[in-house]
Amino acid sequence: MAEFIHKDLAAGRWFQMSLAEQLGNVGSEVGRAANWFGKGNTEKSNRALDRAFDLLDLTIGDKRWLGAKLKELCRVREVLADTFYGDRAYGATPQSMEKYFYHYAVEARNAV
């Protein structure tokens, strides 16, 4: 098994959450990364991105999300990496990535 930052979540709790809850949590870290990126603090931005990718990888590894959902999850991982570390070939910005995930956080909150 891969070494995860969020060991307690990787041990099982993550896999009890809905997809909206999972992606909302990823979005919290993306929001932190975008905030620090905008302030020019690369170190803090990269740490938040490490946590975001950790959670996103847990979501990608969740056996419930197969087919089109898995494809979307893999694509969003690719776009997220390109946005912060690449040449922005997809045209996404840190703010647009934060907005993408924000909708999942709202959905998760409304589902409670």
C-alpha atoms as a PDB file:
ATOM      1  CA  MET A   1       0.000   0.000   0.000  1.00  0.00           C
ATOM      2  CA  ALA A   2       1.217   3.500  -0.783  1.00  0.00           C
ATOM      3  CA  GLU A   3       2.351   5.795   1.999  1.00  0.00           C
ATOM      4  CA  PHE A   4      -0.384   8.372   2.557  1.00  0.00           C
ATOM      5  CA  ILE A   5      -0.209  11.669   4.424  1.00  0.00           C
ATOM      6  CA  HIS A   6      -3.731  11.111   5.746  1.00  0.00           C
ATOM      7  CA  LYS A   7      -3.102   7.707   7.328  1.00  0.00           C
ATOM      8  CA  ASP A   8      -6.297   7.679   9.404  1.00  0.00           C
ATOM      9  CA  LEU A   9      -8.428   8.384   6.340  1.00  0.00           C
ATOM     10  CA  ALA A  10      -6.527   5.843   4.225  1.00  0.00           C
ATOM     11  CA  ALA A  11      -7.234   3.219   6.895  1.00  0.00           C
ATOM     12  CA  GLY A  12     -10.906   3.248   5.974  1.00  0.00           C
ATOM     13  CA  ARG A  13     -12.791   6.343   7.051  1.00  0.00           C
ATOM     14  CA  TRP A  14     -12.306   7.995   3.642  1.00  0.00           C
ATOM     15  CA  PHE A  15     -14.134   5.154   1.933  1.00  0.00           C
ATOM     16  CA  GLN A  16     -17.260   5.756   4.010  1.00  0.00           C
ATOM     17  CA  MET A  17     -17.659   9.287   2.653  1.00  0.00           C
ATOM     18  CA  SER A  18     -19.725  10.209  -0.374  1.00  0.00           C
ATOM     19  CA  LEU A  19     -17.985  11.380  -3.528  1.00  0.00           C
ATOM     20  CA  ALA A  20     -19.119  14.945  -2.802  1.00  0.00           C
ATOM     21  CA  GLU A  21     -17.621  14.768   0.703  1.00  0.00           C
ATOM     22  CA  GLN A  22     -14.365  13.401  -0.643  1.00  0.00           C
ATOM     23  CA  LEU A  23     -14.028  16.027  -3.360  1.00  0.00           C
ATOM     24  CA  GLY A  24     -15.130  18.784  -0.996  1.00  0.00           C
ATOM     25  CA  ASN A  25     -12.241  17.844   1.281  1.00  0.00           C
ATOM     26  CA  VAL A  26      -9.850  17.807  -1.666  1.00  0.00           C
ATOM     27  CA  GLY A  27     -11.178  21.246  -2.523  1.00  0.00           C
ATOM     28  CA  SER A  28     -10.333  22.578   0.937  1.00  0.00           C
ATOM     29  CA  GLU A  29      -6.687  21.792   0.286  1.00  0.00           C
ATOM     30  CA  VAL A  30      -6.880  23.178  -3.255  1.00  0.00           C
ATOM     31  CA  GLY A  31      -8.317  26.381  -1.795  1.00  0.00           C
ATOM     32  CA  ARG A  32      -5.407  26.618   0.628  1.00  0.00           C
ATOM     33  CA  ALA A  33      -2.959  25.975  -2.214  1.00  0.00           C
ATOM     34  CA  ALA A  34      -4.584  28.659  -4.381  1.00  0.00           C
ATOM     35  CA  ASN A  35      -4.502  31.130  -1.501  1.00  0.00           C
ATOM     36  CA  TRP A  36      -0.808  30.581  -0.808  1.00  0.00           C
ATOM     37  CA  PHE A  37      -0.012  30.482  -4.509  1.00  0.00           C
ATOM     38  CA  GLY A  38      -1.645  33.882  -4.928  1.00  0.00           C
ATOM     39  CA  LYS A  39       0.440  35.250  -2.063  1.00  0.00           C
ATOM     40  CA  GLY A  40       3.626  33.916  -3.645  1.00  0.00           C
ATOM     41  CA  ASN A  41       4.311  31.396  -0.883  1.00  0.00           C
ATOM     42  CA  THR A  42       5.355  28.397  -2.975  1.00  0.00           C
ATOM     43  CA  GLU A  43       6.349  26.268   0.011  1.00  0.00           C
ATOM     44  CA  LYS A  44       2.967  26.487   1.731  1.00  0.00           C
ATOM     45  CA  SER A  45       1.154  26.139  -1.585  1.00  0.00           C
ATOM     46  CA  ASN A  46       3.087  22.972  -2.412  1.00  0.00           C
ATOM     47  CA  ARG A  47       2.376  21.464   1.022  1.00  0.00           C
ATOM     48  CA  ALA A  48      -1.350  22.067   0.547  1.00  0.00           C
ATOM     49  CA  LEU A  49      -1.117  20.543  -2.935  1.00  0.00           C
ATOM     50  CA  ASP A  50       0.634  17.486  -1.494  1.00  0.00           C
ATOM     51  CA  ARG A  51      -2.313  17.031   0.849  1.00  0.00           C
ATOM     52  CA  ALA A  52      -4.810  17.640  -1.995  1.00  0.00           C
ATOM     53  CA  PHE A  53      -3.139  15.038  -4.208  1.00  0.00           C
ATOM     54  CA  ASP A  54      -3.023  12.629  -1.282  1.00  0.00           C
ATOM     55  CA  LEU A  55      -6.788  12.917  -0.808  1.00  0.00           C
ATOM     56  CA  LEU A  56      -7.444  12.824  -4.536  1.00  0.00           C
ATOM     57  CA  ASP A  57      -5.370   9.645  -4.832  1.00  0.00           C
ATOM     58  CA  LEU A  58      -7.442   8.084  -2.053  1.00  0.00           C
ATOM     59  CA  THR A  59     -10.574   9.013  -4.007  1.00  0.00           C
ATOM     60  CA  ILE A  60      -9.152   7.566  -7.229  1.00  0.00           C
ATOM     61  CA  GLY A  61      -8.386   4.373  -5.314  1.00  0.00           C
ATOM     62  CA  ASP A  62     -11.959   4.097  -4.004  1.00  0.00           C
ATOM     63  CA  LYS A  63     -13.443   1.052  -5.720  1.00  0.00           C
ATOM     64  CA  ARG A  64     -16.910   2.647  -5.778  1.00  0.00           C
ATOM     65  CA  TRP A  65     -15.871   5.173  -8.428  1.00  0.00           C
ATOM     66  CA  LEU A  66     -15.429   3.199 -11.617  1.00  0.00           C
ATOM     67  CA  GLY A  67     -16.119   3.994 -15.254  1.00  0.00           C
ATOM     68  CA  ALA A  68     -16.875   7.606 -16.108  1.00  0.00           C
ATOM     69  CA  LYS A  69     -16.366   8.777 -12.506  1.00  0.00           C
ATOM     70  CA  LEU A  70     -12.881   7.286 -12.380  1.00  0.00           C
ATOM     71  CA  LYS A  71     -12.049   8.859 -15.729  1.00  0.00           C
ATOM     72  CA  GLU A  72     -13.196  12.267 -14.453  1.00  0.00           C
ATOM     73  CA  LEU A  73     -11.172  11.865 -11.247  1.00  0.00           C
ATOM     74  CA  CYS A  74      -8.031  11.011 -13.190  1.00  0.00           C
ATOM     75  CA  ARG A  75      -8.581  13.943 -15.528  1.00  0.00           C
ATOM     76  CA  VAL A  76      -9.107  16.409 -12.685  1.00  0.00           C
ATOM     77  CA  ARG A  77      -5.847  15.158 -11.143  1.00  0.00           C
ATOM     78  CA  GLU A  78      -4.100  15.814 -14.447  1.00  0.00           C
ATOM     79  CA  VAL A  79      -5.593  19.303 -14.755  1.00  0.00           C
ATOM     80  CA  LEU A  80      -4.751  20.138 -11.133  1.00  0.00           C
ATOM     81  CA  ALA A  81      -1.118  19.147 -11.656  1.00  0.00           C
ATOM     82  CA  ASP A  82      -0.957  21.121 -14.904  1.00  0.00           C
ATOM     83  CA  THR A  83      -2.484  24.177 -13.233  1.00  0.00           C
ATOM     84  CA  PHE A  84       0.055  24.428 -10.437  1.00  0.00           C
ATOM     85  CA  TYR A  85       3.113  22.661 -11.864  1.00  0.00           C
ATOM     86  CA  GLY A  86       2.688  22.649 -15.635  1.00  0.00           C
ATOM     87  CA  ASP A  87       2.236  25.150 -18.416  1.00  0.00           C
ATOM     88  CA  ARG A  88      -1.567  25.399 -17.987  1.00  0.00           C
ATOM     89  CA  ALA A  89      -2.289  23.565 -21.220  1.00  0.00           C
ATOM     90  CA  TYR A  90      -5.902  23.128 -20.064  1.00  0.00           C
ATOM     91  CA  GLY A  91      -6.364  26.833 -19.373  1.00  0.00           C
ATOM     92  CA  ALA A  92      -7.269  26.294 -15.719  1.00  0.00           C
ATOM     93  CA  THR A  93      -6.187  28.684 -12.992  1.00  0.00           C
ATOM     94  CA  PRO A  94      -5.797  28.069  -9.261  1.00  0.00           C
ATOM     95  CA  GLN A  95      -9.053  29.985  -8.765  1.00  0.00           C
ATOM     96  CA  SER A  96     -10.964  27.931 -11.347  1.00  0.00           C
ATOM     97  CA  MET A  97      -9.749  24.712  -9.729  1.00  0.00           C
ATOM     98  CA  GLU A  98     -10.912  25.965  -6.349  1.00  0.00           C
ATOM     99  CA  LYS A  99     -14.310  26.791  -7.889  1.00  0.00           C
ATOM    100  CA  TYR A 100     -14.558  23.308  -9.458  1.00  0.00           C
ATOM    101  CA  PHE A 101     -14.172  21.654  -6.058  1.00  0.00           C
ATOM    102  CA  TYR A 102     -16.307  24.218  -4.213  1.00  0.00           C
ATOM    103  CA  HIS A 103     -19.476  22.846  -5.788  1.00  0.00           C
ATOM    104  CA  TYR A 104     -18.787  19.437  -4.257  1.00  0.00           C
ATOM    105  CA  ALA A 105     -18.361  20.985  -0.810  1.00  0.00           C
ATOM    106  CA  VAL A 106     -21.729  22.719  -1.182  1.00  0.00           C
ATOM    107  CA  GLU A 107     -23.360  19.482  -2.319  1.00  0.00           C
ATOM    108  CA  ALA A 108     -21.888  17.587   0.619  1.00  0.00           C
ATOM    109  CA  ARG A 109     -23.053  20.230   3.070  1.00  0.00           C
ATOM    110  CA  ASN A 110     -26.575  20.222   1.615  1.00  0.00           C
ATOM    111  CA  ALA A 111     -26.782  16.437   1.800  1.00  0.00           C
ATOM    112  CA  VAL A 112     -26.350  16.405   5.596  1.00  0.00           C
END
